[in-house]
Amino acid sequence: MKKFLTTFMFVTVLVLAACGSQNEDSENGELENETKEKETIVFGQTTWTSTKAPTQIAKQILEEAGYEVEIKLLDQPIIWEGLKTEEIDIFMDAWLPYTEEALWEKYKGDLQKVATSYEEVPLGWVVPEYVDAETIDDLAGQADKFDGEVLTIGEGAGIVSISKEVMQDENYNLDGYELVPSSEAAMMGVMENKFKNEEPFIITGWRPHSMFAKYDLKFLEDTQEHFKYDNVYVLSYKGLEDKHPEVYDILSEWSIEVSDLEEMMNAYQENDKSFEDSAAEWIEENRDTVDEWLGK
């Protein structure tokens, strides 16, 4: 009997110890999940629709992984500075090596390319198909026809800096033209009004953008090669892989088709469909890919 009681007590201790270990592991797992849920990942976002679409998709993917996500709407140079100081974790729309070369040269010691979103995308000066011009050279002596304006987006963007170089290039003889910075929305508004009466205009354009899904447009050939095709990258500060390793692992797998982004942009412009809704649809349509990124 004594031997039986001793054996019973020993087994009981083992069972209780095992249960305690399981409970401890469970509690630790819960604590780890709670910790991850409390981590906040900050995206820098410009007002450009080409930035809004991928940022919203990435945001929802990271939220699915258990992170709090904040989006800060800022001008591009401020975003790059915020990446350097680690006040911003991710920027989804860096055009390199050409368009944002100056910013990259300034910050490349502190930043890194996490992933390539898409490759070989065009940008430059854009006119409607009904305009009789194929190159920037063809604009010489035609300033009155275009009201003397080349409409662009806000100061600080790489496409604006390059356009200033074009304006100053003596090979183009662009006397009478003025580069007019505005916002993307204002530029689109002018374009829409001009199209109604088939009036000529010049804007700065890039792909992906909804304008190419909605209107018949063409890039003017830049014979002096100021505008060059870029790749578009996801940027972070160096060390994101140590500070937020899972976030780095997920976003290092990121890529998207230009046509997918343009569909989202066009739905926003034409049907007032939010990028939040379009992003949720994109994730479900690409569920297998997203699950791979999430390690499911």
C-alpha atoms as a PDB file:
ATOM      1  CA  MET A   1       0.000   0.000   0.000  1.00  0.00           C
ATOM      2  CA  LYS A   2       2.798   2.385   0.904  1.00  0.00           C
ATOM      3  CA  LYS A   3       4.525   1.576  -2.378  1.00  0.00           C
ATOM      4  CA  PHE A   4       1.271   2.252  -4.267  1.00  0.00           C
ATOM      5  CA  LEU A   5       0.809   5.668  -2.609  1.00  0.00           C
ATOM      6  CA  THR A   6       4.393   6.645  -3.350  1.00  0.00           C
ATOM      7  CA  THR A   7       3.996   5.697  -7.005  1.00  0.00           C
ATOM      8  CA  PHE A   8       0.643   7.544  -7.224  1.00  0.00           C
ATOM      9  CA  MET A   9       2.137  10.715  -5.726  1.00  0.00           C
ATOM     10  CA  PHE A  10       5.113  10.573  -8.141  1.00  0.00           C
ATOM     11  CA  VAL A  11       2.825  10.255 -11.186  1.00  0.00           C
ATOM     12  CA  THR A  12       0.640  13.100  -9.915  1.00  0.00           C
ATOM     13  CA  VAL A  13       3.656  15.361  -9.575  1.00  0.00           C
ATOM     14  CA  LEU A  14       4.711  14.550 -13.143  1.00  0.00           C
ATOM     15  CA  VAL A  15       1.226  15.289 -14.489  1.00  0.00           C
ATOM     16  CA  LEU A  16       1.005  18.586 -12.623  1.00  0.00           C
ATOM     17  CA  ALA A  17       4.474  19.564 -13.799  1.00  0.00           C
ATOM     18  CA  ALA A  18       3.541  18.798 -17.393  1.00  0.00           C
ATOM     19  CA  CYS A  19       0.322  20.795 -17.113  1.00  0.00           C
ATOM     20  CA  GLY A  20       2.220  23.656 -15.543  1.00  0.00           C
ATOM     21  CA  SER A  21       4.733  23.579 -18.397  1.00  0.00           C
ATOM     22  CA  GLN A  22       1.938  23.571 -20.975  1.00  0.00           C
ATOM     23  CA  ASN A  23       0.191  26.457 -19.253  1.00  0.00           C
ATOM     24  CA  GLU A  24       3.451  28.372 -19.076  1.00  0.00           C
ATOM     25  CA  ASP A  25       4.111  27.769 -22.782  1.00  0.00           C
ATOM     26  CA  SER A  26       0.561  28.852 -23.580  1.00  0.00           C
ATOM     27  CA  GLU A  27       0.932  31.982 -21.479  1.00  0.00           C
ATOM     28  CA  ASN A  28       4.272  32.751 -23.113  1.00  0.00           C
ATOM     29  CA  GLY A  29       2.716  32.312 -26.557  1.00  0.00           C
ATOM     30  CA  GLU A  30      -0.134  34.631 -25.592  1.00  0.00           C
ATOM     31  CA  LEU A  31       2.342  37.182 -24.275  1.00  0.00           C
ATOM     32  CA  GLU A  32       4.334  37.006 -27.514  1.00  0.00           C
ATOM     33  CA  ASN A  33       1.168  37.552 -29.558  1.00  0.00           C
ATOM     34  CA  GLU A  34       0.132  40.434 -27.322  1.00  0.00           C
ATOM     35  CA  THR A  35       3.584  41.964 -27.737  1.00  0.00           C
ATOM     36  CA  LYS A  36       3.409  41.675 -31.519  1.00  0.00           C
ATOM     37  CA  GLU A  37      -0.083  43.154 -31.587  1.00  0.00           C
ATOM     38  CA  LYS A  38       1.219  46.168 -29.693  1.00  0.00           C
ATOM     39  CA  GLU A  39       4.022  46.787 -32.212  1.00  0.00           C
ATOM     40  CA  THR A  40       3.186  49.667 -34.515  1.00  0.00           C
ATOM     41  CA  ILE A  41       4.570  49.799 -38.041  1.00  0.00           C
ATOM     42  CA  VAL A  42       4.587  53.240 -39.644  1.00  0.00           C
ATOM     43  CA  PHE A  43       4.295  53.758 -43.398  1.00  0.00           C
ATOM     44  CA  GLY A  44       5.203  57.016 -45.082  1.00  0.00           C
ATOM     45  CA  GLN A  45       2.765  57.860 -47.860  1.00  0.00           C
ATOM     46  CA  THR A  46       2.692  60.657 -50.411  1.00  0.00           C
ATOM     47  CA  THR A  47      -0.492  62.011 -51.971  1.00  0.00           C
ATOM     48  CA  TRP A  48       0.250  60.137 -55.218  1.00  0.00           C
ATOM     49  CA  THR A  49      -2.202  57.392 -56.081  1.00  0.00           C
ATOM     50  CA  SER A  50       0.734  55.205 -57.126  1.00  0.00           C
ATOM     51  CA  THR A  51       1.779  55.223 -53.467  1.00  0.00           C
ATOM     52  CA  LYS A  52      -1.656  54.905 -51.894  1.00  0.00           C
ATOM     53  CA  ALA A  53      -2.556  51.607 -53.564  1.00  0.00           C
ATOM     54  CA  PRO A  54       0.475  49.490 -52.571  1.00  0.00           C
ATOM     55  CA  THR A  55       0.643  51.078 -49.122  1.00  0.00           C
ATOM     56  CA  GLN A  56      -2.929  50.041 -48.385  1.00  0.00           C
ATOM     57  CA  ILE A  57      -2.303  46.462 -49.526  1.00  0.00           C
ATOM     58  CA  ALA A  58       0.839  46.177 -47.381  1.00  0.00           C
ATOM     59  CA  LYS A  59      -0.986  47.724 -44.422  1.00  0.00           C
ATOM     60  CA  GLN A  60      -3.759  45.147 -44.528  1.00  0.00           C
ATOM     61  CA  ILE A  61      -1.321  42.268 -44.908  1.00  0.00           C
ATOM     62  CA  LEU A  62       0.638  43.364 -41.831  1.00  0.00           C
ATOM     63  CA  GLU A  63      -2.591  43.869 -39.883  1.00  0.00           C
ATOM     64  CA  GLU A  64      -3.508  40.296 -40.761  1.00  0.00           C
ATOM     65  CA  ALA A  65      -0.146  39.278 -39.297  1.00  0.00           C
ATOM     66  CA  GLY A  66      -1.111  40.978 -36.024  1.00  0.00           C
ATOM     67  CA  TYR A  67       0.526  44.400 -36.237  1.00  0.00           C
ATOM     68  CA  GLU A  68      -0.852  47.839 -35.588  1.00  0.00           C
ATOM     69  CA  VAL A  69      -0.230  49.957 -38.678  1.00  0.00           C
ATOM     70  CA  GLU A  70      -0.113  53.740 -38.996  1.00  0.00           C
ATOM     71  CA  ILE A  71       0.093  55.713 -42.234  1.00  0.00           C
ATOM     72  CA  LYS A  72       1.614  59.193 -42.216  1.00  0.00           C
ATOM     73  CA  LEU A  73       0.782  61.437 -45.179  1.00  0.00           C
ATOM     74  CA  LEU A  74       3.951  63.430 -45.918  1.00  0.00           C
ATOM     75  CA  ASP A  75       5.970  64.994 -48.715  1.00  0.00           C
ATOM     76  CA  GLN A  76       8.527  62.655 -50.180  1.00  0.00           C
ATOM     77  CA  PRO A  77      11.722  64.302 -48.811  1.00  0.00           C
ATOM     78  CA  ILE A  78      10.239  64.265 -45.306  1.00  0.00           C
ATOM     79  CA  ILE A  79       9.469  60.553 -45.669  1.00  0.00           C
ATOM     80  CA  TRP A  80      13.087  59.778 -46.537  1.00  0.00           C
ATOM     81  CA  GLU A  81      14.299  61.799 -43.548  1.00  0.00           C
ATOM     82  CA  GLY A  82      11.772  59.957 -41.372  1.00  0.00           C
ATOM     83  CA  LEU A  83      13.149  56.638 -42.580  1.00  0.00           C
ATOM     84  CA  LYS A  84      16.631  57.732 -41.604  1.00  0.00           C
ATOM     85  CA  THR A  85      15.524  58.635 -38.077  1.00  0.00           C
ATOM     86  CA  GLU A  86      13.385  55.471 -37.864  1.00  0.00           C
ATOM     87  CA  GLU A  87      10.232  57.482 -37.197  1.00  0.00           C
ATOM     88  CA  ILE A  88       8.945  55.856 -40.383  1.00  0.00           C
ATOM     89  CA  ASP A  89       9.482  52.149 -41.018  1.00  0.00           C
ATOM     90  CA  ILE A  90       8.433  51.641 -44.650  1.00  0.00           C
ATOM     91  CA  PHE A  91       8.017  53.574 -47.901  1.00  0.00           C
ATOM     92  CA  MET A  92       6.424  51.635 -50.770  1.00  0.00           C
ATOM     93  CA  ASP A  93       7.180  53.853 -53.776  1.00  0.00           C
ATOM     94  CA  ALA A  94      10.850  54.739 -54.317  1.00  0.00           C
ATOM     95  CA  TRP A  95      11.841  55.288 -57.985  1.00  0.00           C
ATOM     96  CA  LEU A  96      15.452  54.318 -58.544  1.00  0.00           C
ATOM     97  CA  PRO A  97      18.138  54.536 -59.767  1.00  0.00           C
ATOM     98  CA  TYR A  98      17.293  57.675 -61.760  1.00  0.00           C
ATOM     99  CA  THR A  99      14.229  59.671 -60.685  1.00  0.00           C
ATOM    100  CA  GLU A 100      15.106  59.874 -57.000  1.00  0.00           C
ATOM    101  CA  GLU A 101      18.856  59.631 -57.452  1.00  0.00           C
ATOM    102  CA  ALA A 102      19.536  62.788 -55.418  1.00  0.00           C
ATOM    103  CA  LEU A 103      17.566  61.495 -52.424  1.00  0.00           C
ATOM    104  CA  TRP A 104      19.227  58.093 -52.656  1.00  0.00           C
ATOM    105  CA  GLU A 105      22.699  59.645 -52.724  1.00  0.00           C
ATOM    106  CA  LYS A 106      21.826  61.613 -49.587  1.00  0.00           C
ATOM    107  CA  TYR A 107      20.312  58.742 -47.605  1.00  0.00           C
ATOM    108  CA  LYS A 108      21.744  55.504 -49.027  1.00  0.00           C
ATOM    109  CA  GLY A 109      24.045  55.097 -46.032  1.00  0.00           C
ATOM    110  CA  ASP A 110      21.005  54.781 -43.775  1.00  0.00           C
ATOM    111  CA  LEU A 111      18.402  53.120 -45.992  1.00  0.00           C
ATOM    112  CA  GLN A 112      17.966  49.806 -47.788  1.00  0.00           C
ATOM    113  CA  LYS A 113      15.872  48.351 -50.601  1.00  0.00           C
ATOM    114  CA  VAL A 114      13.626  45.706 -49.075  1.00  0.00           C
ATOM    115  CA  ALA A 115      11.915  44.533 -52.273  1.00  0.00           C
ATOM    116  CA  THR A 116      11.248  45.434 -55.903  1.00  0.00           C
ATOM    117  CA  SER A 117       7.606  46.300 -56.535  1.00  0.00           C
ATOM    118  CA  TYR A 118       7.857  46.387 -60.331  1.00  0.00           C
ATOM    119  CA  GLU A 119      10.491  47.077 -62.979  1.00  0.00           C
ATOM    120  CA  GLU A 120      11.169  49.262 -66.018  1.00  0.00           C
ATOM    121  CA  VAL A 121       8.363  51.789 -65.604  1.00  0.00           C
ATOM    122  CA  PRO A 122       8.213  54.920 -67.792  1.00  0.00           C
ATOM    123  CA  LEU A 123       7.848  58.544 -66.741  1.00  0.00           C
ATOM    124  CA  GLY A 124       8.262  61.872 -68.483  1.00  0.00           C
ATOM    125  CA  TRP A 125       6.271  64.531 -70.297  1.00  0.00           C
ATOM    126  CA  VAL A 126       2.885  63.414 -71.537  1.00  0.00           C
ATOM    127  CA  VAL A 127       0.483  64.825 -74.140  1.00  0.00           C
ATOM    128  CA  PRO A 128      -2.799  63.549 -75.593  1.00  0.00           C
ATOM    129  CA  GLU A 129      -2.667  61.418 -78.733  1.00  0.00           C
ATOM    130  CA  TYR A 130      -4.382  64.164 -80.731  1.00  0.00           C
ATOM    131  CA  VAL A 131      -1.384  66.503 -80.233  1.00  0.00           C
ATOM    132  CA  ASP A 132       0.955  66.609 -83.211  1.00  0.00           C
ATOM    133  CA  ALA A 133       4.208  66.035 -81.334  1.00  0.00           C
ATOM    134  CA  GLU A 134       6.282  62.918 -80.719  1.00  0.00           C
ATOM    135  CA  THR A 135       9.390  64.288 -78.974  1.00  0.00           C
ATOM    136  CA  ILE A 136      10.172  67.105 -76.566  1.00  0.00           C
ATOM    137  CA  ASP A 137      12.104  68.687 -79.461  1.00  0.00           C
ATOM    138  CA  ASP A 138       8.763  69.123 -81.273  1.00  0.00           C
ATOM    139  CA  LEU A 139       7.603  71.582 -78.586  1.00  0.00           C
ATOM    140  CA  ALA A 140      10.093  74.288 -79.641  1.00  0.00           C
ATOM    141  CA  GLY A 141       8.305  77.447 -80.801  1.00  0.00           C
ATOM    142  CA  GLN A 142       4.905  76.049 -79.777  1.00  0.00           C
ATOM    143  CA  ALA A 143       4.550  77.638 -76.306  1.00  0.00           C
ATOM    144  CA  ASP A 144       1.421  79.645 -77.198  1.00  0.00           C
ATOM    145  CA  LYS A 145      -0.315  76.464 -78.311  1.00  0.00           C
ATOM    146  CA  PHE A 146       0.147  74.991 -74.813  1.00  0.00           C
ATOM    147  CA  ASP A 147      -0.481  78.227 -72.879  1.00  0.00           C
ATOM    148  CA  GLY A 148       3.229  78.189 -72.094  1.00  0.00           C
ATOM    149  CA  GLU A 149       2.739  75.609 -69.343  1.00  0.00           C
ATOM    150  CA  VAL A 150       4.092  72.216 -68.421  1.00  0.00           C
ATOM    151  CA  LEU A 151       1.951  71.132 -65.494  1.00  0.00           C
ATOM    152  CA  THR A 152       3.579  68.918 -62.879  1.00  0.00           C
ATOM    153  CA  ILE A 153       3.095  67.701 -59.290  1.00  0.00           C
ATOM    154  CA  GLY A 154       4.447  69.097 -56.012  1.00  0.00           C
ATOM    155  CA  GLU A 155       7.980  70.307 -55.396  1.00  0.00           C
ATOM    156  CA  GLY A 156      10.357  67.702 -54.004  1.00  0.00           C
ATOM    157  CA  ALA A 157       9.305  64.897 -56.333  1.00  0.00           C
ATOM    158  CA  GLY A 158      12.011  63.469 -58.579  1.00  0.00           C
ATOM    159  CA  ILE A 159       9.960  63.998 -61.727  1.00  0.00           C
ATOM    160  CA  VAL A 160       9.824  67.724 -60.937  1.00  0.00           C
ATOM    161  CA  SER A 161      13.592  67.970 -60.508  1.00  0.00           C
ATOM    162  CA  ILE A 162      14.190  66.185 -63.804  1.00  0.00           C
ATOM    163  CA  SER A 163      11.634  68.404 -65.553  1.00  0.00           C
ATOM    164  CA  LYS A 164      13.595  71.451 -64.389  1.00  0.00           C
ATOM    165  CA  GLU A 165      16.679  69.987 -66.060  1.00  0.00           C
ATOM    166  CA  VAL A 166      14.687  69.516 -69.261  1.00  0.00           C
ATOM    167  CA  MET A 167      13.474  73.123 -69.159  1.00  0.00           C
ATOM    168  CA  GLN A 168      17.069  74.345 -68.874  1.00  0.00           C
ATOM    169  CA  ASP A 169      18.448  72.108 -71.620  1.00  0.00           C
ATOM    170  CA  GLU A 170      19.488  74.413 -74.456  1.00  0.00           C
ATOM    171  CA  ASN A 171      19.143  71.563 -76.939  1.00  0.00           C
ATOM    172  CA  TYR A 172      15.377  71.742 -76.505  1.00  0.00           C
ATOM    173  CA  ASN A 173      14.878  75.503 -76.953  1.00  0.00           C
ATOM    174  CA  LEU A 174      11.855  75.674 -74.657  1.00  0.00           C
ATOM    175  CA  ASP A 175      11.651  79.468 -74.495  1.00  0.00           C
ATOM    176  CA  GLY A 176       8.193  80.626 -73.472  1.00  0.00           C
ATOM    177  CA  TYR A 177       7.416  77.553 -71.371  1.00  0.00           C
ATOM    178  CA  GLU A 178       7.067  77.508 -67.594  1.00  0.00           C
ATOM    179  CA  LEU A 179       7.083  74.478 -65.314  1.00  0.00           C
ATOM    180  CA  VAL A 180       4.011  74.807 -63.078  1.00  0.00           C
ATOM    181  CA  PRO A 181       4.044  72.706 -59.874  1.00  0.00           C
ATOM    182  CA  SER A 182       0.644  71.815 -58.431  1.00  0.00           C
ATOM    183  CA  SER A 183      -0.881  68.664 -56.982  1.00  0.00           C
ATOM    184  CA  GLU A 184      -1.679  65.403 -58.707  1.00  0.00           C
ATOM    185  CA  ALA A 185      -5.409  66.107 -58.272  1.00  0.00           C
ATOM    186  CA  ALA A 186      -5.099  69.608 -59.780  1.00  0.00           C
ATOM    187  CA  MET A 187      -3.083  68.269 -62.698  1.00  0.00           C
ATOM    188  CA  MET A 188      -5.719  65.613 -63.374  1.00  0.00           C
ATOM    189  CA  GLY A 189      -8.449  68.247 -63.213  1.00  0.00           C
ATOM    190  CA  VAL A 190      -6.746  70.394 -65.850  1.00  0.00           C
ATOM    191  CA  MET A 191      -6.231  67.352 -68.058  1.00  0.00           C
ATOM    192  CA  GLU A 192      -9.888  66.376 -67.821  1.00  0.00           C
ATOM    193  CA  ASN A 193     -11.058  69.887 -68.774  1.00  0.00           C
ATOM    194  CA  LYS A 194      -8.648  70.053 -71.707  1.00  0.00           C
ATOM    195  CA  PHE A 195      -9.758  66.681 -73.032  1.00  0.00           C
ATOM    196  CA  LYS A 196     -13.379  67.789 -73.246  1.00  0.00           C
ATOM    197  CA  ASN A 197     -12.514  70.257 -76.016  1.00  0.00           C
ATOM    198  CA  GLU A 198      -9.490  68.399 -77.409  1.00  0.00           C
ATOM    199  CA  GLU A 199      -7.220  71.223 -76.298  1.00  0.00           C
ATOM    200  CA  PRO A 200      -3.455  70.605 -76.226  1.00  0.00           C
ATOM    201  CA  PHE A 201      -1.644  70.301 -72.896  1.00  0.00           C
ATOM    202  CA  ILE A 202       1.601  68.984 -71.401  1.00  0.00           C
ATOM    203  CA  ILE A 203       1.781  67.250 -68.045  1.00  0.00           C
ATOM    204  CA  THR A 204       4.314  65.115 -66.237  1.00  0.00           C
ATOM    205  CA  GLY A 205       3.161  61.506 -66.154  1.00  0.00           C
ATOM    206  CA  TRP A 206       4.252  58.110 -64.980  1.00  0.00           C
ATOM    207  CA  ARG A 207       3.050  54.564 -64.859  1.00  0.00           C
ATOM    208  CA  PRO A 208       1.300  53.096 -62.991  1.00  0.00           C
ATOM    209  CA  HIS A 209      -1.434  55.738 -63.153  1.00  0.00           C
ATOM    210  CA  SER A 210      -5.161  55.727 -63.846  1.00  0.00           C
ATOM    211  CA  MET A 211      -4.755  58.400 -66.540  1.00  0.00           C
ATOM    212  CA  PHE A 212      -3.447  55.762 -68.954  1.00  0.00           C
ATOM    213  CA  ALA A 213      -6.504  53.576 -68.387  1.00  0.00           C
ATOM    214  CA  LYS A 214      -8.895  56.499 -68.909  1.00  0.00           C
ATOM    215  CA  TYR A 215      -7.332  58.615 -71.674  1.00  0.00           C
ATOM    216  CA  ASP A 216      -5.403  58.187 -74.919  1.00  0.00           C
ATOM    217  CA  LEU A 217      -2.034  59.595 -73.939  1.00  0.00           C
ATOM    218  CA  LYS A 218       1.554  59.304 -75.079  1.00  0.00           C
ATOM    219  CA  PHE A 219       4.975  60.003 -73.621  1.00  0.00           C
ATOM    220  CA  LEU A 220       7.054  62.487 -75.576  1.00  0.00           C
ATOM    221  CA  GLU A 221      10.417  60.979 -76.440  1.00  0.00           C
ATOM    222  CA  ASP A 222      13.167  62.606 -74.413  1.00  0.00           C
ATOM    223  CA  THR A 223      15.954  62.613 -76.994  1.00  0.00           C
ATOM    224  CA  GLN A 224      18.440  64.082 -74.498  1.00  0.00           C
ATOM    225  CA  GLU A 225      17.744  61.202 -72.091  1.00  0.00           C
ATOM    226  CA  HIS A 226      16.915  63.102 -68.929  1.00  0.00           C
ATOM    227  CA  PHE A 227      14.058  60.706 -68.133  1.00  0.00           C
ATOM    228  CA  LYS A 228      15.075  57.073 -67.791  1.00  0.00           C
ATOM    229  CA  TYR A 229      13.090  53.986 -66.896  1.00  0.00           C
ATOM    230  CA  ASP A 230      13.214  53.128 -63.223  1.00  0.00           C
ATOM    231  CA  ASN A 231      12.465  50.229 -60.951  1.00  0.00           C
ATOM    232  CA  VAL A 232      10.180  50.913 -57.994  1.00  0.00           C
ATOM    233  CA  TYR A 233      11.332  49.713 -54.583  1.00  0.00           C
ATOM    234  CA  VAL A 234      10.106  49.240 -51.041  1.00  0.00           C
ATOM    235  CA  LEU A 235      12.463  51.136 -48.728  1.00  0.00           C
ATOM    236  CA  SER A 236      13.223  50.905 -45.032  1.00  0.00           C
ATOM    237  CA  TYR A 237      16.006  51.963 -42.712  1.00  0.00           C
ATOM    238  CA  LYS A 238      18.911  49.571 -42.297  1.00  0.00           C
ATOM    239  CA  GLY A 239      18.213  47.228 -39.422  1.00  0.00           C
ATOM    240  CA  LEU A 240      14.491  46.710 -39.974  1.00  0.00           C
ATOM    241  CA  GLU A 241      15.286  43.000 -40.204  1.00  0.00           C
ATOM    242  CA  ASP A 242      16.527  43.134 -36.590  1.00  0.00           C
ATOM    243  CA  LYS A 243      13.922  45.513 -35.188  1.00  0.00           C
ATOM    244  CA  HIS A 244      10.910  43.939 -36.914  1.00  0.00           C
ATOM    245  CA  PRO A 245      12.148  40.660 -38.457  1.00  0.00           C
ATOM    246  CA  GLU A 246       8.723  39.286 -39.400  1.00  0.00           C
ATOM    247  CA  VAL A 247       7.741  42.552 -41.106  1.00  0.00           C
ATOM    248  CA  TYR A 248      10.980  42.472 -43.058  1.00  0.00           C
ATOM    249  CA  ASP A 249      10.432  38.834 -44.074  1.00  0.00           C
ATOM    250  CA  ILE A 250       6.898  39.548 -45.309  1.00  0.00           C
ATOM    251  CA  LEU A 251       7.712  42.703 -47.250  1.00  0.00           C
ATOM    252  CA  SER A 252      10.912  41.299 -48.748  1.00  0.00           C
ATOM    253  CA  GLU A 253       8.601  38.992 -50.772  1.00  0.00           C
ATOM    254  CA  TRP A 254       6.499  41.897 -52.061  1.00  0.00           C
ATOM    255  CA  SER A 255       5.810  42.497 -55.753  1.00  0.00           C
ATOM    256  CA  ILE A 256       2.810  43.595 -57.801  1.00  0.00           C
ATOM    257  CA  GLU A 257       1.789  44.048 -61.433  1.00  0.00           C
ATOM    258  CA  VAL A 258       1.561  47.599 -62.790  1.00  0.00           C
ATOM    259  CA  SER A 259      -1.770  46.713 -64.410  1.00  0.00           C
ATOM    260  CA  ASP A 260      -3.198  45.698 -61.008  1.00  0.00           C
ATOM    261  CA  LEU A 261      -2.292  49.079 -59.548  1.00  0.00           C
ATOM    262  CA  GLU A 262      -3.751  50.960 -62.506  1.00  0.00           C
ATOM    263  CA  GLU A 263      -7.032  49.076 -62.140  1.00  0.00           C
ATOM    264  CA  MET A 264      -7.184  50.123 -58.481  1.00  0.00           C
ATOM    265  CA  MET A 265      -6.396  53.727 -59.362  1.00  0.00           C
ATOM    266  CA  ASN A 266      -8.983  53.826 -62.114  1.00  0.00           C
ATOM    267  CA  ALA A 267     -11.648  52.377 -59.805  1.00  0.00           C
ATOM    268  CA  TYR A 268     -10.814  55.132 -57.335  1.00  0.00           C
ATOM    269  CA  GLN A 269     -10.949  57.879 -59.962  1.00  0.00           C
ATOM    270  CA  GLU A 270     -13.992  56.671 -61.885  1.00  0.00           C
ATOM    271  CA  ASN A 271     -16.145  54.913 -59.289  1.00  0.00           C
ATOM    272  CA  ASP A 272     -14.930  56.494 -56.048  1.00  0.00           C
ATOM    273  CA  LYS A 273     -13.921  53.038 -54.864  1.00  0.00           C
ATOM    274  CA  SER A 274     -11.675  53.324 -51.847  1.00  0.00           C
ATOM    275  CA  PHE A 275      -8.152  51.949 -51.897  1.00  0.00           C
ATOM    276  CA  GLU A 276      -9.073  50.091 -48.701  1.00  0.00           C
ATOM    277  CA  ASP A 277     -11.752  48.118 -50.562  1.00  0.00           C
ATOM    278  CA  SER A 278      -9.583  47.535 -53.624  1.00  0.00           C
ATOM    279  CA  ALA A 279      -6.704  46.361 -51.431  1.00  0.00           C
ATOM    280  CA  ALA A 280      -8.940  43.882 -49.613  1.00  0.00           C
ATOM    281  CA  GLU A 281     -10.117  42.500 -52.968  1.00  0.00           C
ATOM    282  CA  TRP A 282      -6.548  42.237 -54.271  1.00  0.00           C
ATOM    283  CA  ILE A 283      -5.515  40.286 -51.177  1.00  0.00           C
ATOM    284  CA  GLU A 284      -8.365  37.798 -51.591  1.00  0.00           C
ATOM    285  CA  GLU A 285      -7.726  37.426 -55.330  1.00  0.00           C
ATOM    286  CA  ASN A 286      -4.076  36.701 -54.537  1.00  0.00           C
ATOM    287  CA  ARG A 287      -4.704  34.741 -51.353  1.00  0.00           C
ATOM    288  CA  ASP A 288      -2.243  31.923 -52.105  1.00  0.00           C
ATOM    289  CA  THR A 289       0.568  34.412 -52.717  1.00  0.00           C
ATOM    290  CA  VAL A 290      -0.264  36.457 -49.625  1.00  0.00           C
ATOM    291  CA  ASP A 291      -0.403  33.316 -47.490  1.00  0.00           C
ATOM    292  CA  GLU A 292       3.076  32.404 -48.706  1.00  0.00           C
ATOM    293  CA  TRP A 293       4.329  35.857 -47.703  1.00  0.00           C
ATOM    294  CA  LEU A 294       2.719  35.363 -44.290  1.00  0.00           C
ATOM    295  CA  GLY A 295       4.300  31.925 -43.945  1.00  0.00           C
ATOM    296  CA  LYS A 296       0.966  30.135 -43.656  1.00  0.00           C
END
